[in-house]
Protein backbone atom coordinates (compact mmCIF):
# COMPACT_ATOMS: atom_id res chain seq x y z
CA MET A 1 7.32 7.50 -16.37
CA SER A 2 4.97 9.71 -14.48
CA GLY A 3 3.81 9.97 -10.93
CA ILE A 4 2.82 7.69 -8.13
CA ILE A 5 -0.37 5.70 -7.88
CA VAL A 6 -1.81 4.34 -4.66
CA VAL A 7 -3.95 1.38 -5.70
CA TYR A 8 -6.08 -0.01 -2.91
CA HIS A 9 -9.08 -2.04 -1.88
CA SER A 10 -11.13 -1.06 1.14
CA GLY A 11 -14.10 -3.05 2.30
CA THR A 12 -15.08 -0.77 5.20
CA GLY A 13 -13.38 2.52 4.35
CA ARG A 14 -10.56 2.03 6.86
CA THR A 15 -7.90 1.00 4.33
CA LYS A 16 -9.05 3.88 2.13
CA LYS A 17 -8.17 6.26 4.99
CA LEU A 18 -4.59 4.92 4.93
CA ALA A 19 -4.52 5.19 1.12
CA GLU A 20 -5.62 8.82 1.32
CA ALA A 21 -2.95 9.66 3.91
CA ILE A 22 -0.23 8.04 1.80
CA ALA A 23 -1.45 9.63 -1.43
CA LYS A 24 -1.62 13.10 0.11
CA SER A 25 1.97 13.08 1.33
CA ALA A 26 3.29 11.38 -1.82
CA ASN A 27 1.36 13.71 -4.14
CA ALA A 28 -0.07 10.54 -5.64
CA GLU A 29 -3.23 9.55 -7.44
CA LEU A 30 -5.68 7.23 -5.69
CA MET A 31 -7.03 4.25 -7.61
CA ASP A 32 -9.57 1.71 -6.40
CA VAL A 33 -8.75 -1.87 -7.53
CA ASN A 34 -12.32 -2.24 -8.72
CA GLU A 35 -11.68 0.41 -11.39
CA PRO A 36 -8.03 0.04 -12.47
CA ASP A 37 -6.68 2.32 -15.18
CA TRP A 38 -4.08 0.01 -16.68
CA ASP A 39 -2.54 2.71 -18.88
CA LYS A 40 -1.93 4.95 -15.86
CA LEU A 41 -0.50 2.06 -13.86
CA ASP A 42 1.82 1.15 -16.75
CA ALA A 43 3.03 4.75 -16.99
CA ALA A 44 3.50 5.30 -13.25
CA ALA A 45 6.95 5.59 -11.71
CA ALA A 46 5.67 3.97 -8.50
CA ILE A 47 2.74 1.87 -7.38
CA ILE A 48 1.89 1.66 -3.69
CA ILE A 49 -0.49 -1.21 -3.01
CA GLY A 50 -2.86 -1.45 -0.07
CA ALA A 51 -5.47 -3.91 1.10
CA PRO A 52 -7.17 -4.93 4.29
CA THR A 53 -5.94 -8.14 5.86
CA TYR A 54 -8.75 -10.68 5.71
CA MET A 55 -8.13 -14.13 7.14
CA GLY A 56 -4.34 -13.58 7.05
CA SER A 57 -4.24 -12.53 3.40
CA VAL A 58 -5.11 -9.62 1.14
CA SER A 59 -8.77 -9.17 0.28
CA ALA A 60 -10.29 -11.03 -2.68
CA PRO A 61 -10.66 -7.89 -4.84
CA MET A 62 -6.95 -7.13 -4.33
CA LYS A 63 -6.02 -10.70 -5.21
CA ALA A 64 -8.19 -10.47 -8.35
CA PHE A 65 -6.34 -7.26 -9.30
CA MET A 66 -3.00 -9.01 -8.77
CA ASP A 67 -4.10 -11.98 -10.87
CA ALA A 68 -5.24 -9.65 -13.66
CA THR A 69 -1.66 -8.43 -14.12
CA GLY A 70 -0.42 -11.70 -15.60
CA GLY A 71 0.17 -10.23 -19.05
CA ARG A 72 2.09 -7.35 -17.54
CA TRP A 73 4.22 -9.84 -15.63
CA VAL A 74 5.05 -11.78 -18.80
CA SER A 75 6.14 -8.61 -20.59
CA GLN A 76 7.72 -7.14 -17.42
CA LYS A 77 5.84 -3.85 -17.97
CA TRP A 78 6.34 -2.86 -14.33
CA LYS A 79 10.03 -3.76 -14.13
CA ASN A 80 12.05 -1.27 -12.06
CA LYS A 81 9.02 0.68 -10.86
CA ILE A 82 9.16 1.66 -7.21
CA ALA A 83 6.71 -0.37 -5.09
CA GLY A 84 5.42 -0.29 -1.55
CA GLY A 85 2.56 -1.62 0.49
CA PHE A 86 0.20 -1.14 3.39
CA THR A 87 -2.52 -3.03 5.20
CA ASN A 88 -5.04 -2.70 7.99
CA ALA A 89 -6.74 -5.20 10.29
CA SER A 90 -8.96 -4.99 13.34
CA TYR A 91 -6.62 -6.94 15.58
CA SER A 92 -3.09 -6.04 16.66
CA SER A 93 -1.62 -9.00 14.79
CA GLY A 94 -4.36 -9.95 12.41
CA ASP A 95 -1.58 -11.65 10.43
CA LYS A 96 -0.90 -8.34 8.70
CA LEU A 97 2.70 -9.30 7.99
CA ASN A 98 1.50 -12.11 5.76
CA ALA A 99 -0.61 -9.67 3.72
CA LEU A 100 2.38 -7.33 3.30
CA ILE A 101 4.59 -10.24 2.29
CA GLN A 102 1.98 -11.24 -0.29
CA ILE A 103 2.02 -7.69 -1.73
CA ALA A 104 5.83 -7.60 -1.73
CA ILE A 105 6.14 -10.97 -3.46
CA PHE A 106 3.70 -9.70 -6.07
CA ALA A 107 5.92 -6.64 -6.59
CA MET A 108 9.04 -8.82 -6.78
CA GLN A 109 7.35 -11.05 -9.38
CA HIS A 110 6.98 -7.88 -11.44
CA SER A 111 10.67 -7.00 -10.86
CA MET A 112 9.70 -3.87 -8.96
CA ILE A 113 11.89 -2.17 -6.34
CA TRP A 114 10.37 -2.45 -2.84
CA VAL A 115 10.51 0.45 -0.38
CA GLY A 116 10.08 -0.31 3.30
CA SER A 117 9.25 2.07 6.10
CA ASP A 118 11.95 4.06 7.88
CA THR A 119 9.73 5.31 10.71
CA MET A 120 11.03 4.26 14.09
CA PRO A 121 8.43 3.02 16.59
CA GLU A 122 7.94 5.92 18.98
CA GLY A 123 4.72 6.73 20.77
CA ASP A 124 1.90 6.27 18.28
CA LEU A 125 4.22 6.35 15.25
CA ASN A 126 4.77 2.92 13.69
CA ARG A 127 3.10 1.42 16.74
CA MET A 128 2.84 -1.95 14.96
CA GLY A 129 6.64 -1.97 14.59
CA SER A 130 6.58 -2.71 10.86
CA PHE A 131 9.49 -1.81 8.61
CA PHE A 132 8.21 -3.92 5.72
CA GLY A 133 5.45 -1.41 4.91
CA VAL A 134 2.64 0.28 6.80
CA MET A 135 0.50 -1.75 9.18
CA SER A 136 -2.41 -0.29 11.04
CA GLN A 137 -5.03 -1.49 13.47
CA SER A 138 -8.50 -0.04 13.36
CA LEU A 139 -11.22 -0.27 15.95
CA GLN A 140 -14.13 -2.58 15.30
CA LYS A 141 -17.74 -1.46 15.15
CA THR A 142 -16.96 2.21 14.61
CA SER A 143 -17.04 4.42 11.54
CA ALA A 144 -13.96 4.46 9.32
CA GLU A 145 -13.32 8.03 10.45
CA ASP A 146 -13.38 7.16 14.14
CA ALA A 147 -11.71 3.75 13.79
CA MET A 148 -8.32 4.92 12.59
CA ASN A 149 -5.50 5.64 15.00
CA LYS A 150 -3.96 9.09 14.41
CA GLY A 151 -0.45 7.66 14.79
CA ASP A 152 -1.16 5.06 12.10
CA LEU A 153 -2.36 7.78 9.74
CA GLN A 154 0.76 9.84 10.48
CA THR A 155 2.93 6.76 9.86
CA ALA A 156 1.14 6.34 6.52
CA LYS A 157 1.88 9.97 5.63
CA LEU A 158 5.56 9.50 6.45
CA TYR A 159 5.62 6.38 4.31
CA GLY A 160 4.09 8.22 1.36
CA LYS A 161 6.75 10.88 1.72
CA ARG A 162 9.48 8.20 1.80
CA VAL A 163 8.20 6.51 -1.37
CA ALA A 164 8.04 9.89 -3.13
CA GLU A 165 11.65 10.55 -2.11
CA MET A 166 12.71 7.20 -3.56
CA VAL A 167 10.89 7.96 -6.80
CA SER A 168 12.71 11.26 -7.15
CA ARG A 169 15.98 9.50 -6.40
CA PHE A 170 15.66 6.44 -8.63
CA ALA A 171 12.92 6.84 -11.24
CA ASP A 172 13.51 7.94 -14.81
């Protein structure tokens, strides 16, 4: 197996900012769900999945990506890969936990090994208080660059580092 892939969907660019922060600290490759490279995903040691929370769920393009993995599920191609997840919404709740649960159940269906966050809520770090994965809240009606909280981006970086550590510990 090789490397870590951060596969994401971002409708406004905000979730992409989280994906970039995670990928940078995990030394991972970014992959948009609209252009999946199935061979790379199959060969990866870890897949970190991120989507915006829309209406209490992952976005439609992310759900379409998940649904497209049915054959991989049947053959258990992703069994024992490290997995993790992240999401962003405009509101402090935004039902982000449901989106992360949806991503985690997807990973469990594939017999992947889920990695949660170990960042304690302190100041702006893990300000959403999520240990299930990374949750962030972005400001509405601003550019993706200006919308993202610096603490959320730092939490994402710490999460990427944690997933990379788990890959080095458990992956082939």
